[in-house]
PDB file of N, CA and C in Angstrom:
ATOM      1  N   MET A   1      41.223  41.594  90.165  1.00  0.00           N
ATOM      2  CA  MET A   1      41.164  42.918  90.517  1.00  0.00           C
ATOM      3  C   MET A   1      40.945  43.411  91.877  1.00  0.00           C
ATOM      4  N   HIS A   2      41.595  44.185  92.225  1.00  0.00           N
ATOM      5  CA  HIS A   2      41.638  45.048  93.496  1.00  0.00           C
ATOM      6  C   HIS A   2      41.308  46.382  93.330  1.00  0.00           C
ATOM      7  N   LEU A   3      40.414  46.975  94.457  1.00  0.00           N
ATOM      8  CA  LEU A   3      39.183  48.282  94.760  1.00  0.00           C
ATOM      9  C   LEU A   3      39.689  48.121  96.404  1.00  0.00           C
ATOM     10  N   ASP A   4      39.787  49.132  96.933  1.00  0.00           N
ATOM     11  CA  ASP A   4      40.024  49.036  98.276  1.00  0.00           C
ATOM     12  C   ASP A   4      38.145  49.550  98.860  1.00  0.00           C
ATOM     13  N   ALA A   5      37.849  48.988  99.938  1.00  0.00           N
ATOM     14  CA  ALA A   5      36.801  49.422 100.539  1.00  0.00           C
ATOM     15  C   ALA A   5      35.905  50.560 100.173  1.00  0.00           C
ATOM     16  N   GLU A   6      36.696  51.652 100.392  1.00  0.00           N
ATOM     17  CA  GLU A   6      35.793  52.844 100.010  1.00  0.00           C
ATOM     18  C   GLU A   6      35.851  53.165  98.653  1.00  0.00           C
ATOM     19  N   ALA A   7      36.428  52.813  97.459  1.00  0.00           N
ATOM     20  CA  ALA A   7      36.314  52.867  96.226  1.00  0.00           C
ATOM     21  C   ALA A   7      35.021  51.921  95.731  1.00  0.00           C
ATOM     22  N   PHE A   8      35.199  51.166  96.200  1.00  0.00           N
ATOM     23  CA  PHE A   8      34.138  49.636  95.985  1.00  0.00           C
ATOM     24  C   PHE A   8      32.867  50.232  96.524  1.00  0.00           C
ATOM     25  N   GLU A   9      32.744  51.233  97.455  1.00  0.00           N
ATOM     26  CA  GLU A   9      31.267  51.560  98.160  1.00  0.00           C
ATOM     27  C   GLU A   9      30.794  52.769  96.822  1.00  0.00           C
ATOM     28  N   LYS A  10      31.776  53.409  96.932  1.00  0.00           N
ATOM     29  CA  LYS A  10      31.469  54.449  95.660  1.00  0.00           C
ATOM     30  C   LYS A  10      30.791  54.158  94.951  1.00  0.00           C
ATOM     31  N   LEU A  11      31.588  52.735  94.136  1.00  0.00           N
ATOM     32  CA  LEU A  11      31.137  52.162  92.990  1.00  0.00           C
ATOM     33  C   LEU A  11      29.532  51.754  92.625  1.00  0.00           C
ATOM     34  N   VAL A  12      29.477  51.022  93.978  1.00  0.00           N
ATOM     35  CA  VAL A  12      28.047  50.635  94.349  1.00  0.00           C
ATOM     36  C   VAL A  12      27.232  51.774  94.475  1.00  0.00           C
ATOM     37  N   VAL A  13      27.442  52.597  95.024  1.00  0.00           N
ATOM     38  CA  VAL A  13      26.569  53.762  95.001  1.00  0.00           C
ATOM     39  C   VAL A  13      26.366  54.388  93.765  1.00  0.00           C
ATOM     40  N   ASP A  14      27.174  54.631  92.954  1.00  0.00           N
ATOM     41  CA  ASP A  14      26.932  55.001  91.552  1.00  0.00           C
ATOM     42  C   ASP A  14      26.202  54.205  91.061  1.00  0.00           C
ATOM     43  N   GLU A  15      26.509  52.742  91.046  1.00  0.00           N
ATOM     44  CA  GLU A  15      25.340  51.853  90.079  1.00  0.00           C
ATOM     45  C   GLU A  15      24.232  51.712  90.668  1.00  0.00           C
ATOM     46  N   LEU A  16      23.787  51.992  92.369  1.00  0.00           N
ATOM     47  CA  LEU A  16      22.673  52.402  92.525  1.00  0.00           C
ATOM     48  C   LEU A  16      21.744  53.415  91.944  1.00  0.00           C
ATOM     49  N   ASP A  17      22.871  54.569  92.275  1.00  0.00           N
ATOM     50  CA  ASP A  17      22.166  55.711  91.292  1.00  0.00           C
ATOM     51  C   ASP A  17      21.695  55.583  89.833  1.00  0.00           C
ATOM     52  N   LYS A  18      22.066  54.593  89.113  1.00  0.00           N
ATOM     53  CA  LYS A  18      21.855  54.195  87.827  1.00  0.00           C
ATOM     54  C   LYS A  18      20.529  53.639  87.570  1.00  0.00           C
ATOM     55  N   LEU A  19      19.852  52.885  88.483  1.00  0.00           N
ATOM     56  CA  LEU A  19      18.836  52.504  88.670  1.00  0.00           C
ATOM     57  C   LEU A  19      17.700  53.046  88.212  1.00  0.00           C
ATOM     58  N   PRO A  20      16.737  52.373  87.507  1.00  0.00           N
ATOM     59  CA  PRO A  20      15.508  53.102  86.958  1.00  0.00           C
ATOM     60  C   PRO A  20      14.618  53.620  88.370  1.00  0.00           C
ATOM     61  N   ASP A  21      14.292  54.771  88.384  1.00  0.00           N
ATOM     62  CA  ASP A  21      13.764  55.391  89.627  1.00  0.00           C
ATOM     63  C   ASP A  21      12.081  54.609  89.867  1.00  0.00           C
ATOM     64  N   ASP A  22      11.604  53.836  88.966  1.00  0.00           N
ATOM     65  CA  ASP A  22      10.816  52.879  89.247  1.00  0.00           C
ATOM     66  C   ASP A  22      10.801  51.845  90.064  1.00  0.00           C
ATOM     67  N   MET A  23      11.992  51.464  89.889  1.00  0.00           N
ATOM     68  CA  MET A  23      12.715  50.307  90.839  1.00  0.00           C
ATOM     69  C   MET A  23      13.195  50.499  92.124  1.00  0.00           C
ATOM     70  N   VAL A  24      13.555  51.734  92.385  1.00  0.00           N
ATOM     71  CA  VAL A  24      13.904  52.302  93.609  1.00  0.00           C
ATOM     72  C   VAL A  24      13.241  52.993  94.339  1.00  0.00           C
ATOM     73  N   ALA A  25      12.027  53.417  93.736  1.00  0.00           N
ATOM     74  CA  ALA A  25      10.916  54.597  94.265  1.00  0.00           C
ATOM     75  C   ALA A  25      10.251  53.550  95.444  1.00  0.00           C
ATOM     76  N   GLY A  26       9.904  52.531  95.182  1.00  0.00           N
ATOM     77  CA  GLY A  26       9.155  51.638  96.293  1.00  0.00           C
ATOM     78  C   GLY A  26      10.015  50.830  97.592  1.00  0.00           C
ATOM     79  N   LEU A  27      11.296  51.306  97.535  1.00  0.00           N
ATOM     80  CA  LEU A  27      11.951  50.685  98.569  1.00  0.00           C
ATOM     81  C   LEU A  27      11.457  51.231  99.736  1.00  0.00           C
ATOM     82  N   GLU A  28      11.305  50.555 100.761  1.00  0.00           N
ATOM     83  CA  GLU A  28      10.765  51.686 102.315  1.00  0.00           C
ATOM     84  C   GLU A  28      11.509  51.075 102.984  1.00  0.00           C
ATOM     85  N   ASN A  29      12.290  51.490 103.921  1.00  0.00           N
ATOM     86  CA  ASN A  29      12.964  51.048 105.119  1.00  0.00           C
ATOM     87  C   ASN A  29      13.733  50.097 104.741  1.00  0.00           C
ATOM     88  N   VAL A  30      14.934  50.399 103.854  1.00  0.00           N
ATOM     89  CA  VAL A  30      15.638  49.246 103.238  1.00  0.00           C
ATOM     90  C   VAL A  30      16.850  50.370 103.456  1.00  0.00           C
ATOM     91  N   VAL A  31      18.086  49.554 103.975  1.00  0.00           N
ATOM     92  CA  VAL A  31      19.555  50.230 103.808  1.00  0.00           C
ATOM     93  C   VAL A  31      20.264  49.285 102.891  1.00  0.00           C
ATOM     94  N   PHE A  32      21.607  49.888 102.212  1.00  0.00           N
ATOM     95  CA  PHE A  32      22.335  49.375 101.321  1.00  0.00           C
ATOM     96  C   PHE A  32      23.495  49.140 102.436  1.00  0.00           C
ATOM     97  N   VAL A  33      24.200  48.062 102.430  1.00  0.00           N
ATOM     98  CA  VAL A  33      25.590  47.816 102.972  1.00  0.00           C
ATOM     99  C   VAL A  33      26.418  46.974 102.190  1.00  0.00           C
ATOM    100  N   VAL A  34      27.608  47.664 102.307  1.00  0.00           N
ATOM    101  CA  VAL A  34      28.566  47.213 101.357  1.00  0.00           C
ATOM    102  C   VAL A  34      30.005  46.259 102.490  1.00  0.00           C
ATOM    103  N   GLU A  35      29.734  44.854 102.421  1.00  0.00           N
ATOM    104  CA  GLU A  35      30.758  44.156 103.245  1.00  0.00           C
ATOM    105  C   GLU A  35      31.862  43.669 102.511  1.00  0.00           C
ATOM    106  N   ASP A  36      32.698  43.166 103.295  1.00  0.00           N
ATOM    107  CA  ASP A  36      34.000  42.456 102.411  1.00  0.00           C
ATOM    108  C   ASP A  36      33.544  41.021 102.003  1.00  0.00           C
ATOM    109  N   ARG A  37      32.772  40.212 102.728  1.00  0.00           N
ATOM    110  CA  ARG A  37      32.290  38.745 102.619  1.00  0.00           C
ATOM    111  C   ARG A  37      31.358  38.452 104.052  1.00  0.00           C
ATOM    112  N   PRO A  38      30.711  37.555 103.550  1.00  0.00           N
ATOM    113  CA  PRO A  38      29.869  36.782 104.866  1.00  0.00           C
ATOM    114  C   PRO A  38      30.559  36.416 105.700  1.00  0.00           C
ATOM    115  N   GLU A  39      29.690  36.652 107.057  1.00  0.00           N
ATOM    116  CA  GLU A  39      30.436  36.092 108.214  1.00  0.00           C
ATOM    117  C   GLU A  39      30.720  34.463 108.427  1.00  0.00           C
ATOM    118  N   ASN A  40      29.777  33.901 107.346  1.00  0.00           N
ATOM    119  CA  ASN A  40      29.562  32.506 107.335  1.00  0.00           C
ATOM    120  C   ASN A  40      30.433  31.978 106.253  1.00  0.00           C
ATOM    121  N   GLY A  41      31.096  32.824 105.798  1.00  0.00           N
ATOM    122  CA  GLY A  41      32.193  31.967 104.817  1.00  0.00           C
ATOM    123  C   GLY A  41      31.483  32.067 103.135  1.00  0.00           C
ATOM    124  N   ASP A  42      30.049  32.075 103.368  1.00  0.00           N
ATOM    125  CA  ASP A  42      29.439  31.602 101.820  1.00  0.00           C
ATOM    126  C   ASP A  42      30.154  32.597 100.889  1.00  0.00           C
ATOM    127  N   ASP A  43      30.241  32.370  99.707  1.00  0.00           N
ATOM    128  CA  ASP A  43      30.486  32.611  98.380  1.00  0.00           C
ATOM    129  C   ASP A  43      29.156  33.454  97.410  1.00  0.00           C
ATOM    130  N   LEU A  44      28.879  34.795  98.355  1.00  0.00           N
ATOM    131  CA  LEU A  44      27.948  35.357  97.895  1.00  0.00           C
ATOM    132  C   LEU A  44      28.228  36.521  97.049  1.00  0.00           C
ATOM    133  N   PHE A  45      27.695  37.192  96.201  1.00  0.00           N
ATOM    134  CA  PHE A  45      27.765  38.563  95.743  1.00  0.00           C
ATOM    135  C   PHE A  45      26.891  39.370  96.700  1.00  0.00           C
ATOM    136  N   GLY A  46      26.027  39.042  96.760  1.00  0.00           N
ATOM    137  CA  GLY A  46      24.914  39.919  97.624  1.00  0.00           C
ATOM    138  C   GLY A  46      23.910  39.126  98.447  1.00  0.00           C
ATOM    139  N   ILE A  47      23.469  39.628  99.296  1.00  0.00           N
ATOM    140  CA  ILE A  47      22.080  39.004 100.186  1.00  0.00           C
ATOM    141  C   ILE A  47      20.950  40.110 100.475  1.00  0.00           C
ATOM    142  N   TYR A  48      19.791  39.489 100.722  1.00  0.00           N
ATOM    143  CA  TYR A  48      18.653  40.464 100.788  1.00  0.00           C
ATOM    144  C   TYR A  48      18.081  40.225 102.326  1.00  0.00           C
ATOM    145  N   GLU A  49      18.224  40.757 103.317  1.00  0.00           N
ATOM    146  CA  GLU A  49      17.780  40.399 104.973  1.00  0.00           C
ATOM    147  C   GLU A  49      16.789  40.901 105.325  1.00  0.00           C
ATOM    148  N   GLY A  50      15.651  40.389 105.445  1.00  0.00           N
ATOM    149  CA  GLY A  50      14.471  41.231 105.663  1.00  0.00           C
ATOM    150  C   GLY A  50      12.880  40.493 104.818  1.00  0.00           C
ATOM    151  N   PHE A  51      11.910  41.203 104.907  1.00  0.00           N
ATOM    152  CA  PHE A  51      10.633  40.567 104.567  1.00  0.00           C
ATOM    153  C   PHE A  51      10.588  40.912 103.340  1.00  0.00           C
ATOM    154  N   ALA A  52       9.835  40.207 101.883  1.00  0.00           N
ATOM    155  CA  ALA A  52       9.470  40.870 101.188  1.00  0.00           C
ATOM    156  C   ALA A  52       8.096  41.837 101.368  1.00  0.00           C
ATOM    157  N   LEU A  53       8.105  42.451 100.040  1.00  0.00           N
ATOM    158  CA  LEU A  53       6.487  42.925 100.353  1.00  0.00           C
ATOM    159  C   LEU A  53       5.190  42.313 100.143  1.00  0.00           C
ATOM    160  N   THR A  54       5.671  41.142  99.570  1.00  0.00           N
ATOM    161  CA  THR A  54       4.816  39.825  99.382  1.00  0.00           C
ATOM    162  C   THR A  54       4.370  39.214 100.655  1.00  0.00           C
ATOM    163  N   GLU A  55       5.308  39.205 101.766  1.00  0.00           N
ATOM    164  CA  GLU A  55       5.111  38.674 103.196  1.00  0.00           C
ATOM    165  C   GLU A  55       4.902  39.202 104.099  1.00  0.00           C
ATOM    166  N   ARG A  56       4.890  40.802 103.932  1.00  0.00           N
ATOM    167  CA  ARG A  56       4.656  41.290 105.108  1.00  0.00           C
ATOM    168  C   ARG A  56       2.824  41.329 105.574  1.00  0.00           C
ATOM    169  N   GLY A  57       2.801  41.291 107.027  1.00  0.00           N
ATOM    170  CA  GLY A  57       1.494  41.544 107.323  1.00  0.00           C
ATOM    171  C   GLY A  57       1.371  42.742 107.662  1.00  0.00           C
ATOM    172  N   GLN A  58       1.686  42.920 109.177  1.00  0.00           N
ATOM    173  CA  GLN A  58       1.500  44.330 109.868  1.00  0.00           C
ATOM    174  C   GLN A  58       2.637  44.804 110.280  1.00  0.00           C
ATOM    175  N   TYR A  59       3.653  45.346 109.203  1.00  0.00           N
ATOM    176  CA  TYR A  59       4.778  45.995 109.082  1.00  0.00           C
ATOM    177  C   TYR A  59       4.592  47.256 109.248  1.00  0.00           C
ATOM    178  N   GLY A  60       5.383  47.910 110.368  1.00  0.00           N
ATOM    179  CA  GLY A  60       5.164  49.406 110.095  1.00  0.00           C
ATOM    180  C   GLY A  60       6.241  49.882 111.238  1.00  0.00           C
ATOM    181  N   MET A  61       5.998  50.760 112.044  1.00  0.00           N
ATOM    182  CA  MET A  61       6.649  51.691 113.085  1.00  0.00           C
ATOM    183  C   MET A  61       7.630  50.630 113.756  1.00  0.00           C
ATOM    184  N   GLY A  62       8.521  51.161 114.122  1.00  0.00           N
ATOM    185  CA  GLY A  62       9.447  50.538 114.803  1.00  0.00           C
ATOM    186  C   GLY A  62      10.309  48.904 114.456  1.00  0.00           C
ATOM    187  N   GLU A  63       9.919  48.789 113.226  1.00  0.00           N
ATOM    188  CA  GLU A  63      10.610  47.811 112.599  1.00  0.00           C
ATOM    189  C   GLU A  63      12.204  47.972 112.214  1.00  0.00           C
ATOM    190  N   LEU A  64      12.981  47.291 112.154  1.00  0.00           N
ATOM    191  CA  LEU A  64      14.362  47.508 112.017  1.00  0.00           C
ATOM    192  C   LEU A  64      14.268  47.368 110.521  1.00  0.00           C
ATOM    193  N   PRO A  65      15.008  48.545 109.826  1.00  0.00           N
ATOM    194  CA  PRO A  65      15.313  48.206 108.144  1.00  0.00           C
ATOM    195  C   PRO A  65      15.827  46.964 107.494  1.00  0.00           C
ATOM    196  N   ASP A  66      14.927  46.811 106.581  1.00  0.00           N
ATOM    197  CA  ASP A  66      15.514  45.270 106.080  1.00  0.00           C
ATOM    198  C   ASP A  66      17.140  45.932 105.286  1.00  0.00           C
ATOM    199  N   ARG A  67      17.643  44.736 105.062  1.00  0.00           N
ATOM    200  CA  ARG A  67      19.411  45.288 104.380  1.00  0.00           C
ATOM    201  C   ARG A  67      19.618  44.385 103.225  1.00  0.00           C
ATOM    202  N   ILE A  68      20.032  45.085 102.162  1.00  0.00           N
ATOM    203  CA  ILE A  68      20.752  44.764 101.185  1.00  0.00           C
ATOM    204  C   ILE A  68      22.018  44.631 101.489  1.00  0.00           C
ATOM    205  N   VAL A  69      22.934  43.564 101.361  1.00  0.00           N
ATOM    206  CA  VAL A  69      24.271  43.651 101.464  1.00  0.00           C
ATOM    207  C   VAL A  69      25.094  43.135 100.196  1.00  0.00           C
ATOM    208  N   VAL A  70      26.175  43.957  99.755  1.00  0.00           N
ATOM    209  CA  VAL A  70      26.679  43.798  98.662  1.00  0.00           C
ATOM    210  C   VAL A  70      28.318  43.587  99.172  1.00  0.00           C
ATOM    211  N   TYR A  71      28.440  42.245  98.925  1.00  0.00           N
ATOM    212  CA  TYR A  71      30.095  41.621  99.346  1.00  0.00           C
ATOM    213  C   TYR A  71      31.212  41.970  98.202  1.00  0.00           C
ATOM    214  N   ARG A  72      31.993  43.019  98.750  1.00  0.00           N
ATOM    215  CA  ARG A  72      33.321  43.045  97.707  1.00  0.00           C
ATOM    216  C   ARG A  72      34.236  42.156  97.093  1.00  0.00           C
ATOM    217  N   HIS A  73      34.481  41.077  98.170  1.00  0.00           N
ATOM    218  CA  HIS A  73      35.476  40.265  97.718  1.00  0.00           C
ATOM    219  C   HIS A  73      35.389  39.536  96.738  1.00  0.00           C
ATOM    220  N   ALA A  74      33.919  38.707  96.671  1.00  0.00           N
ATOM    221  CA  ALA A  74      33.266  37.842  95.643  1.00  0.00           C
ATOM    222  C   ALA A  74      33.054  38.782  94.198  1.00  0.00           C
ATOM    223  N   HIS A  75      32.996  40.192  94.285  1.00  0.00           N
ATOM    224  CA  HIS A  75      32.649  40.939  92.803  1.00  0.00           C
ATOM    225  C   HIS A  75      34.039  41.009  92.474  1.00  0.00           C
ATOM    226  N   LEU A  76      35.213  41.075  93.331  1.00  0.00           N
ATOM    227  CA  LEU A  76      36.696  41.515  92.724  1.00  0.00           C
ATOM    228  C   LEU A  76      37.391  40.176  92.314  1.00  0.00           C
ATOM    229  N   ALA A  77      36.889  39.128  93.126  1.00  0.00           N
ATOM    230  CA  ALA A  77      37.146  38.051  92.605  1.00  0.00           C
ATOM    231  C   ALA A  77      36.944  37.745  91.347  1.00  0.00           C
ATOM    232  N   ALA A  78      35.747  37.809  90.794  1.00  0.00           N
ATOM    233  CA  ALA A  78      34.875  37.276  89.771  1.00  0.00           C
ATOM    234  C   ALA A  78      35.130  38.269  88.466  1.00  0.00           C
ATOM    235  N   CYS A  79      35.627  39.221  88.672  1.00  0.00           N
ATOM    236  CA  CYS A  79      35.719  40.227  87.593  1.00  0.00           C
ATOM    237  C   CYS A  79      37.091  40.931  87.285  1.00  0.00           C
ATOM    238  N   ALA A  80      37.451  40.950  85.881  1.00  0.00           N
ATOM    239  CA  ALA A  80      39.244  41.406  85.820  1.00  0.00           C
ATOM    240  C   ALA A  80      38.917  42.697  85.277  1.00  0.00           C
ATOM    241  N   ASN A  81      37.792  43.661  85.199  1.00  0.00           N
ATOM    242  CA  ASN A  81      38.144  45.032  85.129  1.00  0.00           C
ATOM    243  C   ASN A  81      36.819  45.824  85.550  1.00  0.00           C
ATOM    244  N   GLU A  82      36.835  47.057  85.818  1.00  0.00           N
ATOM    245  CA  GLU A  82      36.169  47.665  86.235  1.00  0.00           C
ATOM    246  C   GLU A  82      34.787  47.765  85.511  1.00  0.00           C
ATOM    247  N   ALA A  83      34.619  47.605  84.174  1.00  0.00           N
ATOM    248  CA  ALA A  83      33.456  47.435  83.465  1.00  0.00           C
ATOM    249  C   ALA A  83      32.480  45.977  83.704  1.00  0.00           C
ATOM    250  N   GLU A  84      33.384  45.090  83.970  1.00  0.00           N
ATOM    251  CA  GLU A  84      33.070  43.947  84.580  1.00  0.00           C
ATOM    252  C   GLU A  84      32.227  44.005  85.841  1.00  0.00           C
ATOM    253  N   LEU A  85      32.936  44.641  86.837  1.00  0.00           N
ATOM    254  CA  LEU A  85      32.776  45.117  87.948  1.00  0.00           C
ATOM    255  C   LEU A  85      31.264  45.812  88.063  1.00  0.00           C
ATOM    256  N   ARG A  86      31.159  46.607  87.283  1.00  0.00           N
ATOM    257  CA  ARG A  86      30.104  47.566  87.380  1.00  0.00           C
ATOM    258  C   ARG A  86      28.956  46.694  86.802  1.00  0.00           C
ATOM    259  N   GLY A  87      29.131  45.697  85.533  1.00  0.00           N
ATOM    260  CA  GLY A  87      27.712  44.942  85.458  1.00  0.00           C
ATOM    261  C   GLY A  87      27.675  44.283  86.186  1.00  0.00           C
ATOM    262  N   GLU A  88      28.492  43.538  87.046  1.00  0.00           N
ATOM    263  CA  GLU A  88      28.014  42.532  88.327  1.00  0.00           C
ATOM    264  C   GLU A  88      27.220  43.067  89.499  1.00  0.00           C
ATOM    265  N   VAL A  89      27.943  44.510  89.825  1.00  0.00           N
ATOM    266  CA  VAL A  89      27.120  45.053  90.795  1.00  0.00           C
ATOM    267  C   VAL A  89      25.757  45.325  90.398  1.00  0.00           C
ATOM    268  N   HIS A  90      25.888  45.959  89.258  1.00  0.00           N
ATOM    269  CA  HIS A  90      24.430  46.151  88.949  1.00  0.00           C
ATOM    270  C   HIS A  90      23.583  45.118  88.949  1.00  0.00           C
ATOM    271  N   THR A  91      24.212  44.051  88.613  1.00  0.00           N
ATOM    272  CA  THR A  91      23.176  42.410  88.417  1.00  0.00           C
ATOM    273  C   THR A  91      22.781  42.188  89.811  1.00  0.00           C
ATOM    274  N   THR A  92      23.715  42.728  90.834  1.00  0.00           N
ATOM    275  CA  THR A  92      23.406  41.927  92.157  1.00  0.00           C
ATOM    276  C   THR A  92      22.492  43.032  92.664  1.00  0.00           C
ATOM    277  N   LEU A  93      22.547  44.197  92.735  1.00  0.00           N
ATOM    278  CA  LEU A  93      21.641  45.469  92.950  1.00  0.00           C
ATOM    279  C   LEU A  93      19.952  44.808  92.628  1.00  0.00           C
ATOM    280  N   VAL A  94      20.151  44.613  91.174  1.00  0.00           N
ATOM    281  CA  VAL A  94      18.628  44.288  90.418  1.00  0.00           C
ATOM    282  C   VAL A  94      18.182  43.060  91.261  1.00  0.00           C
ATOM    283  N   HIS A  95      18.993  42.204  91.499  1.00  0.00           N
ATOM    284  CA  HIS A  95      18.613  40.554  91.929  1.00  0.00           C
ATOM    285  C   HIS A  95      18.134  40.837  93.386  1.00  0.00           C
ATOM    286  N   GLU A  96      19.010  41.469  94.325  1.00  0.00           N
ATOM    287  CA  GLU A  96      18.594  41.471  95.539  1.00  0.00           C
ATOM    288  C   GLU A  96      17.191  42.424  95.731  1.00  0.00           C
ATOM    289  N   ILE A  97      17.449  43.606  94.979  1.00  0.00           N
ATOM    290  CA  ILE A  97      16.168  44.745  95.034  1.00  0.00           C
ATOM    291  C   ILE A  97      14.874  43.656  94.187  1.00  0.00           C
ATOM    292  N   ALA A  98      14.907  42.754  93.728  1.00  0.00           N
ATOM    293  CA  ALA A  98      13.653  41.805  93.529  1.00  0.00           C
ATOM    294  C   ALA A  98      13.706  41.043  94.151  1.00  0.00           C
ATOM    295  N   HIS A  99      14.072  40.432  95.400  1.00  0.00           N
ATOM    296  CA  HIS A  99      13.705  39.772  96.515  1.00  0.00           C
ATOM    297  C   HIS A  99      12.988  40.395  97.441  1.00  0.00           C
ATOM    298  N   PHE A 100      13.325  41.824  97.507  1.00  0.00           N
ATOM    299  CA  PHE A 100      12.402  42.728  98.583  1.00  0.00           C
ATOM    300  C   PHE A 100      10.916  42.971  97.739  1.00  0.00           C
ATOM    301  N   TYR A 101      10.906  42.841  96.460  1.00  0.00           N
ATOM    302  CA  TYR A 101       9.476  42.745  95.995  1.00  0.00           C
ATOM    303  C   TYR A 101       8.863  41.401  95.737  1.00  0.00           C
ATOM    304  N   GLY A 102       9.597  40.508  96.438  1.00  0.00           N
ATOM    305  CA  GLY A 102       9.029  39.126  96.441  1.00  0.00           C
ATOM    306  C   GLY A 102       9.133  38.207  95.132  1.00  0.00           C
ATOM    307  N   ILE A 103      10.184  38.697  94.244  1.00  0.00           N
ATOM    308  CA  ILE A 103      10.649  37.881  93.283  1.00  0.00           C
ATOM    309  C   ILE A 103      11.868  36.715  93.966  1.00  0.00           C
ATOM    310  N   ASP A 104      11.198  35.407  93.738  1.00  0.00           N
ATOM    311  CA  ASP A 104      12.281  34.589  94.255  1.00  0.00           C
ATOM    312  C   ASP A 104      13.420  34.061  93.039  1.00  0.00           C
ATOM    313  N   ASP A 105      14.459  33.422  93.394  1.00  0.00           N
ATOM    314  CA  ASP A 105      15.579  32.911  92.763  1.00  0.00           C
ATOM    315  C   ASP A 105      14.974  32.271  90.969  1.00  0.00           C
ATOM    316  N   GLU A 106      14.040  31.424  91.448  1.00  0.00           N
ATOM    317  CA  GLU A 106      13.664  30.806  89.968  1.00  0.00           C
ATOM    318  C   GLU A 106      13.225  31.723  89.402  1.00  0.00           C
ATOM    319  N   GLN A 107      12.566  33.066  89.623  1.00  0.00           N
ATOM    320  CA  GLN A 107      11.890  33.522  88.509  1.00  0.00           C
ATOM    321  C   GLN A 107      12.886  34.553  87.889  1.00  0.00           C
ATOM    322  N   LEU A 108      13.978  34.894  89.057  1.00  0.00           N
ATOM    323  CA  LEU A 108      14.960  35.561  88.537  1.00  0.00           C
ATOM    324  C   LEU A 108      15.888  35.260  87.187  1.00  0.00           C
ATOM    325  N   HIS A 109      16.171  33.524  87.625  1.00  0.00           N
ATOM    326  CA  HIS A 109      16.896  33.132  86.661  1.00  0.00           C
ATOM    327  C   HIS A 109      16.009  33.148  85.356  1.00  0.00           C
ATOM    328  N   GLU A 110      14.626  32.862  85.387  1.00  0.00           N
ATOM    329  CA  GLU A 110      13.762  32.840  84.171  1.00  0.00           C
ATOM    330  C   GLU A 110      14.221  34.228  83.543  1.00  0.00           C
ATOM    331  N   LEU A 111      14.134  35.446  84.224  1.00  0.00           N
ATOM    332  CA  LEU A 111      14.132  36.575  83.617  1.00  0.00           C
ATOM    333  C   LEU A 111      15.641  37.037  83.582  1.00  0.00           C
ATOM    334  N   GLY A 112      16.582  36.269  83.434  1.00  0.00           N
ATOM    335  CA  GLY A 112      17.894  36.689  83.369  1.00  0.00           C
ATOM    336  C   GLY A 112      18.438  37.400  84.456  1.00  0.00           C
ATOM    337  N   TRP A 113      18.592  37.070  85.437  1.00  0.00           N
ATOM    338  CA  TRP A 113      18.761  38.124  86.757  1.00  0.00           C
ATOM    339  C   TRP A 113      19.394  37.079  87.915  1.00  0.00           C
ATOM    340  N   ALA A 114      19.668  36.021  87.396  1.00  0.00           N
ATOM    341  CA  ALA A 114      20.088  35.099  88.462  1.00  0.00           C
ATOM    342  C   ALA A 114      21.733  34.975  88.815  1.00  0.00           C
TER     343      ALA A 114
END
């Protein structure tokens, strides 16, 4: 599947807007970023970079924002059409937001979001 960077970013924003309010309302000091692929060459759909709410001690003023990165190339390689792509992006967003809330990969797997 092919989708240029601008169209993919729009799709990610559309899927982010579809997430339940109670899931995104608690996101504080988090930015969402779309990149083509990880710099280290890993084959990832996305990554959460930051400190989960459960790991924050004295977190506050002056902290750089946490980042949720969605990788375009991995998504496009795994999906045959836009419906599949939207589903995979949705799953990636839920998965990475869950890490913000302190839910680890094992719990996400149990919940069906791995």
